[in-house]
Amino acid sequence: MDFLLIGGQPDTGKTETISRLERFNGSYRRGVLDKYIFEDINQVREQTMTWVEDYNNNRPHDALGKMAPVPYAKFNSLGGTS
């Protein structure tokens, strides 16, 4: 499973970081855990991988100017501006 992390390790003591983690957890719960009835951990992993792929490559994020993380990272690595 690949997760896109930008900026290294989070500082989990910061209120801003905690709120971002809670927001991510809520998105994951709504997108995967509350959406399906799983029979085993492999089904959870499979749906998680599908969700992470969509989350990182397709789903627009308000904090990234309505871009998904992977296109945003590529755009910025090429010196693009929003």
PDB file of N, CA and C in Angstrom:
ATOM      1  N   MET A   1       0.831  -1.169   0.000  1.00  0.00           N
ATOM      2  CA  MET A   1       0.000   0.000   0.000  1.00  0.00           C
ATOM      3  C   MET A   1       0.878   1.235   0.000  1.00  0.00           C
ATOM      4  N   ASP A   2       0.645   2.139  -0.928  1.00  0.00           N
ATOM      5  CA  ASP A   2       1.406   3.378  -0.981  1.00  0.00           C
ATOM      6  C   ASP A   2       0.535   4.534  -0.547  1.00  0.00           C
ATOM      7  N   PHE A   3       1.045   5.295   0.398  1.00  0.00           N
ATOM      8  CA  PHE A   3       0.370   6.505   0.853  1.00  0.00           C
ATOM      9  C   PHE A   3       1.262   7.669   0.507  1.00  0.00           C
ATOM     10  N   LEU A   4       0.682   8.699  -0.034  1.00  0.00           N
ATOM     11  CA  LEU A   4       1.449   9.887  -0.372  1.00  0.00           C
ATOM     12  C   LEU A   4       1.606  10.734   0.879  1.00  0.00           C
ATOM     13  N   LEU A   5       2.833  10.945   1.281  1.00  0.00           N
ATOM     14  CA  LEU A   5       3.126  11.808   2.413  1.00  0.00           C
ATOM     15  C   LEU A   5       3.980  12.948   1.922  1.00  0.00           C
ATOM     16  N   ILE A   6       3.527  14.150   2.175  1.00  0.00           N
ATOM     17  CA  ILE A   6       4.276  15.327   1.769  1.00  0.00           C
ATOM     18  C   ILE A   6       4.752  16.026   3.026  1.00  0.00           C
ATOM     19  N   GLY A   7       6.049  16.267   3.122  1.00  0.00           N
ATOM     20  CA  GLY A   7       6.563  17.041   4.244  1.00  0.00           C
ATOM     21  C   GLY A   7       7.102  16.236   5.399  1.00  0.00           C
ATOM     22  N   GLY A   8       7.320  14.946   5.257  1.00  0.00           N
ATOM     23  CA  GLY A   8       7.948  14.175   6.315  1.00  0.00           C
ATOM     24  C   GLY A   8       6.997  13.773   7.421  1.00  0.00           C
ATOM     25  N   GLN A   9       7.550  13.537   8.605  1.00  0.00           N
ATOM     26  CA  GLN A   9       6.781  13.061   9.749  1.00  0.00           C
ATOM     27  C   GLN A   9       5.894  14.170  10.316  1.00  0.00           C
ATOM     28  N   PRO A  10       4.639  13.836  10.623  1.00  0.00           N
ATOM     29  CA  PRO A  10       3.761  14.848  11.211  1.00  0.00           C
ATOM     30  C   PRO A  10       4.117  15.098  12.674  1.00  0.00           C
ATOM     31  N   ASP A  11       3.916  16.318  13.118  1.00  0.00           N
ATOM     32  CA  ASP A  11       4.085  16.666  14.523  1.00  0.00           C
ATOM     33  C   ASP A  11       2.737  16.429  15.186  1.00  0.00           C
ATOM     34  N   THR A  12       2.565  15.245  15.781  1.00  0.00           N
ATOM     35  CA  THR A  12       1.258  14.853  16.307  1.00  0.00           C
ATOM     36  C   THR A  12       0.834  15.651  17.529  1.00  0.00           C
ATOM     37  N   GLY A  13       1.697  16.497  18.065  1.00  0.00           N
ATOM     38  CA  GLY A  13       1.323  17.321  19.201  1.00  0.00           C
ATOM     39  C   GLY A  13       0.629  18.609  18.809  1.00  0.00           C
ATOM     40  N   LYS A  14       0.662  18.963  17.549  1.00  0.00           N
ATOM     41  CA  LYS A  14       0.057  20.216  17.092  1.00  0.00           C
ATOM     42  C   LYS A  14      -1.435  20.031  16.841  1.00  0.00           C
ATOM     43  N   THR A  15      -2.204  21.009  17.245  1.00  0.00           N
ATOM     44  CA  THR A  15      -3.655  20.970  17.055  1.00  0.00           C
ATOM     45  C   THR A  15      -4.002  20.851  15.578  1.00  0.00           C
ATOM     46  N   GLU A  16      -3.283  21.569  14.731  1.00  0.00           N
ATOM     47  CA  GLU A  16      -3.540  21.523  13.291  1.00  0.00           C
ATOM     48  C   GLU A  16      -3.323  20.115  12.750  1.00  0.00           C
ATOM     49  N   THR A  17      -2.274  19.456  13.196  1.00  0.00           N
ATOM     50  CA  THR A  17      -1.981  18.101  12.742  1.00  0.00           C
ATOM     51  C   THR A  17      -3.063  17.137  13.206  1.00  0.00           C
ATOM     52  N   ILE A  18      -3.480  17.272  14.438  1.00  0.00           N
ATOM     53  CA  ILE A  18      -4.521  16.400  14.971  1.00  0.00           C
ATOM     54  C   ILE A  18      -5.813  16.568  14.185  1.00  0.00           C
ATOM     55  N   SER A  19      -6.168  17.803  13.862  1.00  0.00           N
ATOM     56  CA  SER A  19      -7.408  18.016  13.103  1.00  0.00           C
ATOM     57  C   SER A  19      -7.299  17.440  11.690  1.00  0.00           C
ATOM     58  N   ARG A  20      -6.123  17.534  11.083  1.00  0.00           N
ATOM     59  CA  ARG A  20      -5.937  16.937   9.744  1.00  0.00           C
ATOM     60  C   ARG A  20      -6.035  15.420   9.798  1.00  0.00           C
ATOM     61  N   LEU A  21      -5.443  14.820  10.829  1.00  0.00           N
ATOM     62  CA  LEU A  21      -5.518  13.367  10.978  1.00  0.00           C
ATOM     63  C   LEU A  21      -6.962  12.928  11.220  1.00  0.00           C
ATOM     64  N   GLU A  22      -7.695  13.675  12.034  1.00  0.00           N
ATOM     65  CA  GLU A  22      -9.095  13.345  12.282  1.00  0.00           C
ATOM     66  C   GLU A  22      -9.928  13.483  11.004  1.00  0.00           C
ATOM     67  N   ARG A  23      -9.627  14.496  10.205  1.00  0.00           N
ATOM     68  CA  ARG A  23     -10.345  14.675   8.942  1.00  0.00           C
ATOM     69  C   ARG A  23     -10.065  13.504   7.988  1.00  0.00           C
ATOM     70  N   PHE A  24      -8.785  13.114   7.892  1.00  0.00           N
ATOM     71  CA  PHE A  24      -8.417  11.975   7.059  1.00  0.00           C
ATOM     72  C   PHE A  24      -9.114  10.711   7.552  1.00  0.00           C
ATOM     73  N   ASN A  25      -9.073  10.475   8.866  1.00  0.00           N
ATOM     74  CA  ASN A  25      -9.710   9.279   9.422  1.00  0.00           C
ATOM     75  C   ASN A  25     -11.205   9.257   9.113  1.00  0.00           C
ATOM     76  N   GLY A  26     -11.858  10.426   9.194  1.00  0.00           N
ATOM     77  CA  GLY A  26     -13.280  10.502   8.857  1.00  0.00           C
ATOM     78  C   GLY A  26     -13.534  10.196   7.393  1.00  0.00           C
ATOM     79  N   SER A  27     -12.684  10.727   6.526  1.00  0.00           N
ATOM     80  CA  SER A  27     -12.816  10.447   5.086  1.00  0.00           C
ATOM     81  C   SER A  27     -12.635   8.961   4.806  1.00  0.00           C
ATOM     82  N   TYR A  28     -11.636   8.363   5.462  1.00  0.00           N
ATOM     83  CA  TYR A  28     -11.383   6.926   5.280  1.00  0.00           C
ATOM     84  C   TYR A  28     -12.569   6.108   5.805  1.00  0.00           C
ATOM     85  N   ARG A  29     -13.058   6.468   6.970  1.00  0.00           N
ATOM     86  CA  ARG A  29     -14.183   5.729   7.552  1.00  0.00           C
ATOM     87  C   ARG A  29     -15.405   5.804   6.626  1.00  0.00           C
ATOM     88  N   ARG A  30     -15.733   7.001   6.146  1.00  0.00           N
ATOM     89  CA  ARG A  30     -16.890   7.153   5.256  1.00  0.00           C
ATOM     90  C   ARG A  30     -16.669   6.467   3.909  1.00  0.00           C
ATOM     91  N   GLY A  31     -15.438   6.522   3.402  1.00  0.00           N
ATOM     92  CA  GLY A  31     -15.150   5.979   2.076  1.00  0.00           C
ATOM     93  C   GLY A  31     -14.939   4.482   2.028  1.00  0.00           C
ATOM     94  N   VAL A  32     -14.591   3.879   3.178  1.00  0.00           N
ATOM     95  CA  VAL A  32     -14.290   2.447   3.174  1.00  0.00           C
ATOM     96  C   VAL A  32     -15.038   1.704   4.283  1.00  0.00           C
ATOM     97  N   LEU A  33     -14.752   2.030   5.527  1.00  0.00           N
ATOM     98  CA  LEU A  33     -15.234   1.217   6.640  1.00  0.00           C
ATOM     99  C   LEU A  33     -16.744   1.234   6.811  1.00  0.00           C
ATOM    100  N   ASP A  34     -17.387   2.390   6.597  1.00  0.00           N
ATOM    101  CA  ASP A  34     -18.838   2.478   6.742  1.00  0.00           C
ATOM    102  C   ASP A  34     -19.580   2.092   5.476  1.00  0.00           C
ATOM    103  N   LYS A  35     -18.872   1.927   4.387  1.00  0.00           N
ATOM    104  CA  LYS A  35     -19.495   1.713   3.084  1.00  0.00           C
ATOM    105  C   LYS A  35     -19.710   0.236   2.749  1.00  0.00           C
ATOM    106  N   TYR A  36     -18.924  -0.633   3.358  1.00  0.00           N
ATOM    107  CA  TYR A  36     -18.953  -2.052   3.009  1.00  0.00           C
ATOM    108  C   TYR A  36     -19.069  -2.923   4.257  1.00  0.00           C
ATOM    109  N   ILE A  37     -19.549  -4.137   4.058  1.00  0.00           N
ATOM    110  CA  ILE A  37     -19.510  -5.165   5.096  1.00  0.00           C
ATOM    111  C   ILE A  37     -18.419  -6.139   4.671  1.00  0.00           C
ATOM    112  N   PHE A  38     -17.398  -6.243   5.483  1.00  0.00           N
ATOM    113  CA  PHE A  38     -16.236  -7.063   5.148  1.00  0.00           C
ATOM    114  C   PHE A  38     -16.320  -8.417   5.829  1.00  0.00           C
ATOM    115  N   GLU A  39     -15.830  -9.415   5.117  1.00  0.00           N
ATOM    116  CA  GLU A  39     -15.793 -10.758   5.680  1.00  0.00           C
ATOM    117  C   GLU A  39     -14.417 -11.124   6.204  1.00  0.00           C
ATOM    118  N   ASP A  40     -13.380 -10.435   5.719  1.00  0.00           N
ATOM    119  CA  ASP A  40     -12.037 -10.699   6.229  1.00  0.00           C
ATOM    120  C   ASP A  40     -11.132  -9.494   5.987  1.00  0.00           C
ATOM    121  N   ILE A  41      -9.964  -9.521   6.589  1.00  0.00           N
ATOM    122  CA  ILE A  41      -9.029  -8.397   6.522  1.00  0.00           C
ATOM    123  C   ILE A  41      -8.536  -8.143   5.098  1.00  0.00           C
ATOM    124  N   ASN A  42      -8.483  -9.187   4.278  1.00  0.00           N
ATOM    125  CA  ASN A  42      -8.032  -9.005   2.895  1.00  0.00           C
ATOM    126  C   ASN A  42      -8.998  -8.133   2.101  1.00  0.00           C
ATOM    127  N   GLN A  43     -10.292  -8.234   2.373  1.00  0.00           N
ATOM    128  CA  GLN A  43     -11.266  -7.371   1.715  1.00  0.00           C
ATOM    129  C   GLN A  43     -11.073  -5.924   2.149  1.00  0.00           C
ATOM    130  N   VAL A  44     -10.766  -5.720   3.430  1.00  0.00           N
ATOM    131  CA  VAL A  44     -10.492  -4.368   3.928  1.00  0.00           C
ATOM    132  C   VAL A  44      -9.267  -3.805   3.217  1.00  0.00           C
ATOM    133  N   ARG A  45      -8.226  -4.595   3.105  1.00  0.00           N
ATOM    134  CA  ARG A  45      -6.998  -4.149   2.431  1.00  0.00           C
ATOM    135  C   ARG A  45      -7.253  -3.800   0.976  1.00  0.00           C
ATOM    136  N   GLU A  46      -8.019  -4.634   0.290  1.00  0.00           N
ATOM    137  CA  GLU A  46      -8.304  -4.399  -1.129  1.00  0.00           C
ATOM    138  C   GLU A  46      -9.082  -3.093  -1.323  1.00  0.00           C
ATOM    139  N   GLN A  47     -10.122  -2.890  -0.536  1.00  0.00           N
ATOM    140  CA  GLN A  47     -10.896  -1.655  -0.648  1.00  0.00           C
ATOM    141  C   GLN A  47     -10.085  -0.439  -0.231  1.00  0.00           C
ATOM    142  N   THR A  48      -9.210  -0.624   0.757  1.00  0.00           N
ATOM    143  CA  THR A  48      -8.341   0.474   1.192  1.00  0.00           C
ATOM    144  C   THR A  48      -7.394   0.870   0.076  1.00  0.00           C
ATOM    145  N   MET A  49      -6.806  -0.094  -0.604  1.00  0.00           N
ATOM    146  CA  MET A  49      -5.886   0.216  -1.703  1.00  0.00           C
ATOM    147  C   MET A  49      -6.615   0.959  -2.820  1.00  0.00           C
ATOM    148  N   THR A  50      -7.824   0.545  -3.144  1.00  0.00           N
ATOM    149  CA  THR A  50      -8.617   1.221  -4.165  1.00  0.00           C
ATOM    150  C   THR A  50      -8.931   2.649  -3.730  1.00  0.00           C
ATOM    151  N   TRP A  51      -9.318   2.813  -2.466  1.00  0.00           N
ATOM    152  CA  TRP A  51      -9.657   4.131  -1.946  1.00  0.00           C
ATOM    153  C   TRP A  51      -8.440   5.054  -1.921  1.00  0.00           C
ATOM    154  N   VAL A  52      -7.285   4.535  -1.489  1.00  0.00           N
ATOM    155  CA  VAL A  52      -6.061   5.341  -1.428  1.00  0.00           C
ATOM    156  C   VAL A  52      -5.653   5.788  -2.829  1.00  0.00           C
ATOM    157  N   GLU A  53      -5.765   4.908  -3.795  1.00  0.00           N
ATOM    158  CA  GLU A  53      -5.454   5.256  -5.189  1.00  0.00           C
ATOM    159  C   GLU A  53      -6.325   6.425  -5.653  1.00  0.00           C
ATOM    160  N   ASP A  54      -7.619   6.331  -5.378  1.00  0.00           N
ATOM    161  CA  ASP A  54      -8.532   7.411  -5.758  1.00  0.00           C
ATOM    162  C   ASP A  54      -8.236   8.680  -4.960  1.00  0.00           C
ATOM    163  N   TYR A  55      -8.015   8.542  -3.668  1.00  0.00           N
ATOM    164  CA  TYR A  55      -7.755   9.690  -2.777  1.00  0.00           C
ATOM    165  C   TYR A  55      -6.513  10.454  -3.222  1.00  0.00           C
ATOM    166  N   ASN A  56      -5.477   9.738  -3.593  1.00  0.00           N
ATOM    167  CA  ASN A  56      -4.214  10.381  -3.970  1.00  0.00           C
ATOM    168  C   ASN A  56      -4.170  10.869  -5.413  1.00  0.00           C
ATOM    169  N   ASN A  57      -4.921  10.244  -6.307  1.00  0.00           N
ATOM    170  CA  ASN A  57      -4.784  10.548  -7.730  1.00  0.00           C
ATOM    171  C   ASN A  57      -5.970  11.260  -8.366  1.00  0.00           C
ATOM    172  N   ASN A  58      -7.160  11.138  -7.781  1.00  0.00           N
ATOM    173  CA  ASN A  58      -8.352  11.669  -8.435  1.00  0.00           C
ATOM    174  C   ASN A  58      -9.161  12.649  -7.594  1.00  0.00           C
ATOM    175  N   ARG A  59      -9.232  12.414  -6.307  1.00  0.00           N
ATOM    176  CA  ARG A  59     -10.114  13.200  -5.438  1.00  0.00           C
ATOM    177  C   ARG A  59      -9.549  14.596  -5.199  1.00  0.00           C
ATOM    178  N   PRO A  60     -10.313  15.635  -5.539  1.00  0.00           N
ATOM    179  CA  PRO A  60      -9.827  16.998  -5.306  1.00  0.00           C
ATOM    180  C   PRO A  60      -9.793  17.317  -3.809  1.00  0.00           C
ATOM    181  N   HIS A  61      -8.758  18.026  -3.387  1.00  0.00           N
ATOM    182  CA  HIS A  61      -8.585  18.423  -1.994  1.00  0.00           C
ATOM    183  C   HIS A  61      -8.630  19.944  -1.911  1.00  0.00           C
ATOM    184  N   ASP A  62      -9.480  20.468  -1.047  1.00  0.00           N
ATOM    185  CA  ASP A  62      -9.602  21.921  -0.885  1.00  0.00           C
ATOM    186  C   ASP A  62      -8.264  22.562  -0.551  1.00  0.00           C
ATOM    187  N   ALA A  63      -7.510  21.929   0.338  1.00  0.00           N
ATOM    188  CA  ALA A  63      -6.232  22.497   0.783  1.00  0.00           C
ATOM    189  C   ALA A  63      -5.183  22.536  -0.325  1.00  0.00           C
ATOM    190  N   LEU A  64      -5.414  21.803  -1.406  1.00  0.00           N
ATOM    191  CA  LEU A  64      -4.456  21.757  -2.518  1.00  0.00           C
ATOM    192  C   LEU A  64      -5.017  22.453  -3.757  1.00  0.00           C
ATOM    193  N   GLY A  65      -5.893  23.398  -3.548  1.00  0.00           N
ATOM    194  CA  GLY A  65      -6.456  24.135  -4.676  1.00  0.00           C
ATOM    195  C   GLY A  65      -7.320  23.277  -5.579  1.00  0.00           C
ATOM    196  N   LYS A  66      -8.063  22.361  -4.975  1.00  0.00           N
ATOM    197  CA  LYS A  66      -8.965  21.447  -5.699  1.00  0.00           C
ATOM    198  C   LYS A  66      -8.224  20.455  -6.584  1.00  0.00           C
ATOM    199  N   MET A  67      -6.949  20.187  -6.247  1.00  0.00           N
ATOM    200  CA  MET A  67      -6.178  19.165  -6.966  1.00  0.00           C
ATOM    201  C   MET A  67      -6.000  17.951  -6.061  1.00  0.00           C
ATOM    202  N   ALA A  68      -5.812  16.793  -6.671  1.00  0.00           N
ATOM    203  CA  ALA A  68      -5.469  15.591  -5.915  1.00  0.00           C
ATOM    204  C   ALA A  68      -3.978  15.657  -5.555  1.00  0.00           C
ATOM    205  N   PRO A  69      -3.547  14.959  -4.491  1.00  0.00           N
ATOM    206  CA  PRO A  69      -2.155  15.063  -4.045  1.00  0.00           C
ATOM    207  C   PRO A  69      -1.087  14.717  -5.082  1.00  0.00           C
ATOM    208  N   VAL A  70      -1.256  13.651  -5.844  1.00  0.00           N
ATOM    209  CA  VAL A  70      -0.215  13.270  -6.809  1.00  0.00           C
ATOM    210  C   VAL A  70      -0.078  14.309  -7.917  1.00  0.00           C
ATOM    211  N   PRO A  71      -1.170  14.712  -8.575  1.00  0.00           N
ATOM    212  CA  PRO A  71      -1.023  15.774  -9.586  1.00  0.00           C
ATOM    213  C   PRO A  71      -0.497  17.081  -8.981  1.00  0.00           C
ATOM    214  N   TYR A  72      -0.899  17.389  -7.755  1.00  0.00           N
ATOM    215  CA  TYR A  72      -0.422  18.598  -7.082  1.00  0.00           C
ATOM    216  C   TYR A  72       1.091  18.540  -6.877  1.00  0.00           C
ATOM    217  N   ALA A  73       1.584  17.404  -6.410  1.00  0.00           N
ATOM    218  CA  ALA A  73       3.021  17.249  -6.183  1.00  0.00           C
ATOM    219  C   ALA A  73       3.796  17.342  -7.495  1.00  0.00           C
ATOM    220  N   LYS A  74       3.270  16.726  -8.552  1.00  0.00           N
ATOM    221  CA  LYS A  74       3.932  16.799  -9.859  1.00  0.00           C
ATOM    222  C   LYS A  74       3.932  18.229 -10.393  1.00  0.00           C
ATOM    223  N   PHE A  75       2.817  18.910 -10.263  1.00  0.00           N
ATOM    224  CA  PHE A  75       2.684  20.280 -10.726  1.00  0.00           C
ATOM    225  C   PHE A  75       3.692  21.185 -10.023  1.00  0.00           C
ATOM    226  N   ASN A  76       3.794  21.035  -8.706  1.00  0.00           N
ATOM    227  CA  ASN A  76       4.712  21.871  -7.941  1.00  0.00           C
ATOM    228  C   ASN A  76       6.169  21.500  -8.141  1.00  0.00           C
ATOM    229  N   SER A  77       6.452  20.237  -8.429  1.00  0.00           N
ATOM    230  CA  SER A  77       7.841  19.843  -8.677  1.00  0.00           C
ATOM    231  C   SER A  77       8.345  20.393 -10.019  1.00  0.00           C
ATOM    232  N   LEU A  78       7.406  20.741 -10.893  1.00  0.00           N
ATOM    233  CA  LEU A  78       7.760  21.316 -12.187  1.00  0.00           C
ATOM    234  C   LEU A  78       7.772  22.836 -12.131  1.00  0.00           C
ATOM    235  N   GLY A  79       7.579  23.397 -10.927  1.00  0.00           N
ATOM    236  CA  GLY A  79       7.621  24.836 -10.755  1.00  0.00           C
ATOM    237  C   GLY A  79       6.333  25.531 -11.111  1.00  0.00           C
ATOM    238  N   GLY A  80       5.223  24.792 -11.110  1.00  0.00           N
ATOM    239  CA  GLY A  80       3.940  25.389 -11.434  1.00  0.00           C
ATOM    240  C   GLY A  80       3.440  26.311 -10.344  1.00  0.00           C
ATOM    241  N   THR A  81       2.523  27.154 -10.708  1.00  0.00           N
ATOM    242  CA  THR A  81       1.894  28.052  -9.746  1.00  0.00           C
ATOM    243  C   THR A  81       0.391  27.862  -9.806  1.00  0.00           C
ATOM    244  N   SER A  82      -0.261  28.059  -8.676  1.00  0.00           N
ATOM    245  CA  SER A  82      -1.718  27.874  -8.614  1.00  0.00           C
ATOM    246  C   SER A  82      -2.435  29.054  -9.180  1.00  0.00           C
TER     247      SER A  82
END
